[in-house]
Amino acid sequence: MTKRVIVHIDRLVLRGDHPHDRIALAESLRCEIESSLARRTTVDALASLGDRPRIETGAVRVVAGAKPRRVGAAIARAVVRSVAR
């Protein structure tokens, strides 16, 4: 049976980045989460949780001056880690 997982990000709070970087950051976040969801273990972990109105990752720290794509990937990894616990 194929499992279906839908991830909806309603709000993402970003501090300290430039507005023009947000598109690249969001695209990186989407791609990294999509890639993680392609792994069976992640899908199984998500499916076992059922509906969750909120996922807390805590602060995601990145090196000052990090490229938006790197920041987006770091956020995505934090989301997947918090779900897979």
C-alpha atoms as a PDB file:
ATOM      1  CA  MET A   1       0.000   0.000   0.000  1.00  0.00           C
ATOM      2  CA  THR A   2       1.316   3.429  -0.908  1.00  0.00           C
ATOM      3  CA  LYS A   3       1.393   5.891   1.943  1.00  0.00           C
ATOM      4  CA  ARG A   4       0.655   9.524   1.283  1.00  0.00           C
ATOM      5  CA  VAL A   5       2.211  12.279   3.338  1.00  0.00           C
ATOM      6  CA  ILE A   6       1.237  15.907   2.964  1.00  0.00           C
ATOM      7  CA  VAL A   7       3.387  18.574   4.564  1.00  0.00           C
ATOM      8  CA  HIS A   8       1.959  22.060   4.818  1.00  0.00           C
ATOM      9  CA  ILE A   9       4.149  24.823   6.179  1.00  0.00           C
ATOM     10  CA  ASP A  10       1.870  27.607   7.292  1.00  0.00           C
ATOM     11  CA  ARG A  11       4.484  29.815   8.874  1.00  0.00           C
ATOM     12  CA  LEU A  12       8.251  29.864   8.948  1.00  0.00           C
ATOM     13  CA  VAL A  13       9.894  32.467  11.159  1.00  0.00           C
ATOM     14  CA  LEU A  14      13.223  33.715   9.810  1.00  0.00           C
ATOM     15  CA  ARG A  15      15.396  36.217  11.562  1.00  0.00           C
ATOM     16  CA  GLY A  16      18.434  37.945  10.159  1.00  0.00           C
ATOM     17  CA  ASP A  17      18.190  37.028   6.490  1.00  0.00           C
ATOM     18  CA  HIS A  18      17.634  39.279   3.533  1.00  0.00           C
ATOM     19  CA  PRO A  19      14.191  39.283   1.891  1.00  0.00           C
ATOM     20  CA  HIS A  20      15.611  38.450  -1.556  1.00  0.00           C
ATOM     21  CA  ASP A  21      17.123  35.242  -0.113  1.00  0.00           C
ATOM     22  CA  ARG A  22      13.758  33.868   1.016  1.00  0.00           C
ATOM     23  CA  ILE A  23      12.783  32.389  -2.338  1.00  0.00           C
ATOM     24  CA  ALA A  24      16.009  30.371  -2.587  1.00  0.00           C
ATOM     25  CA  LEU A  25      15.706  29.347   1.059  1.00  0.00           C
ATOM     26  CA  ALA A  26      12.106  28.196   0.629  1.00  0.00           C
ATOM     27  CA  GLU A  27      12.974  26.230  -2.511  1.00  0.00           C
ATOM     28  CA  SER A  28      15.850  24.521  -0.724  1.00  0.00           C
ATOM     29  CA  LEU A  29      13.563  23.682   2.201  1.00  0.00           C
ATOM     30  CA  ARG A  30      10.974  22.189  -0.159  1.00  0.00           C
ATOM     31  CA  CYS A  31      13.530  20.129  -2.084  1.00  0.00           C
ATOM     32  CA  GLU A  32      15.209  18.768   1.045  1.00  0.00           C
ATOM     33  CA  ILE A  33      11.910  17.767   2.677  1.00  0.00           C
ATOM     34  CA  GLU A  34      10.778  16.181  -0.581  1.00  0.00           C
ATOM     35  CA  SER A  35      14.040  14.234  -0.783  1.00  0.00           C
ATOM     36  CA  SER A  36      13.697  13.088   2.831  1.00  0.00           C
ATOM     37  CA  LEU A  37      10.131  11.962   2.220  1.00  0.00           C
ATOM     38  CA  ALA A  38      11.358   9.770  -0.601  1.00  0.00           C
ATOM     39  CA  ARG A  39      13.081   7.618   2.046  1.00  0.00           C
ATOM     40  CA  ARG A  40      10.854   4.863   3.352  1.00  0.00           C
ATOM     41  CA  THR A  41      11.931   5.246   7.001  1.00  0.00           C
ATOM     42  CA  THR A  42      10.889   8.898   7.027  1.00  0.00           C
ATOM     43  CA  VAL A  43       7.533   8.139   5.443  1.00  0.00           C
ATOM     44  CA  ASP A  44       6.891   5.348   7.948  1.00  0.00           C
ATOM     45  CA  ALA A  45       7.766   7.644  10.868  1.00  0.00           C
ATOM     46  CA  LEU A  46       5.436  10.348   9.574  1.00  0.00           C
ATOM     47  CA  ALA A  47       2.615   7.944   8.810  1.00  0.00           C
ATOM     48  CA  SER A  48       2.752   6.512  12.326  1.00  0.00           C
ATOM     49  CA  LEU A  49       2.178   9.986  13.813  1.00  0.00           C
ATOM     50  CA  GLY A  50      -1.139  10.662  12.136  1.00  0.00           C
ATOM     51  CA  ASP A  51      -2.278  14.271  11.902  1.00  0.00           C
ATOM     52  CA  ARG A  52      -0.059  16.741  13.732  1.00  0.00           C
ATOM     53  CA  PRO A  53      -1.077  20.362  13.864  1.00  0.00           C
ATOM     54  CA  ARG A  54       2.421  21.510  14.751  1.00  0.00           C
ATOM     55  CA  ILE A  55       6.006  20.312  14.698  1.00  0.00           C
ATOM     56  CA  GLU A  56       8.546  22.093  16.904  1.00  0.00           C
ATOM     57  CA  THR A  57      12.146  21.943  15.773  1.00  0.00           C
ATOM     58  CA  GLY A  58      13.605  24.454  18.161  1.00  0.00           C
ATOM     59  CA  ALA A  59      16.203  26.913  16.969  1.00  0.00           C
ATOM     60  CA  VAL A  60      18.156  25.993  13.862  1.00  0.00           C
ATOM     61  CA  ARG A  61      21.586  27.557  14.036  1.00  0.00           C
ATOM     62  CA  VAL A  62      23.625  28.187  10.933  1.00  0.00           C
ATOM     63  CA  VAL A  63      26.913  29.928  10.267  1.00  0.00           C
ATOM     64  CA  ALA A  64      26.614  33.667   9.688  1.00  0.00           C
ATOM     65  CA  GLY A  65      26.644  34.396   5.987  1.00  0.00           C
ATOM     66  CA  ALA A  66      25.506  30.891   5.010  1.00  0.00           C
ATOM     67  CA  LYS A  67      23.934  30.651   1.575  1.00  0.00           C
ATOM     68  CA  PRO A  68      20.101  30.501   1.526  1.00  0.00           C
ATOM     69  CA  ARG A  69      20.158  26.991   0.068  1.00  0.00           C
ATOM     70  CA  ARG A  70      22.286  25.758   2.964  1.00  0.00           C
ATOM     71  CA  VAL A  71      19.955  27.414   5.485  1.00  0.00           C
ATOM     72  CA  GLY A  72      16.876  25.856   3.848  1.00  0.00           C
ATOM     73  CA  ALA A  73      18.492  22.411   3.912  1.00  0.00           C
ATOM     74  CA  ALA A  74      19.383  22.827   7.605  1.00  0.00           C
ATOM     75  CA  ILE A  75      15.779  23.750   8.451  1.00  0.00           C
ATOM     76  CA  ALA A  76      14.462  20.765   6.490  1.00  0.00           C
ATOM     77  CA  ARG A  77      16.827  18.377   8.295  1.00  0.00           C
ATOM     78  CA  ALA A  78      15.637  19.785  11.641  1.00  0.00           C
ATOM     79  CA  VAL A  79      11.998  19.202  10.647  1.00  0.00           C
ATOM     80  CA  VAL A  80      12.689  15.609   9.569  1.00  0.00           C
ATOM     81  CA  ARG A  81      14.707  14.912  12.757  1.00  0.00           C
ATOM     82  CA  SER A  82      11.934  16.237  14.973  1.00  0.00           C
ATOM     83  CA  VAL A  83       9.391  14.010  13.240  1.00  0.00           C
ATOM     84  CA  ALA A  84      11.566  10.911  13.199  1.00  0.00           C
ATOM     85  CA  ARG A  85      12.197  10.945  16.966  1.00  0.00           C
END
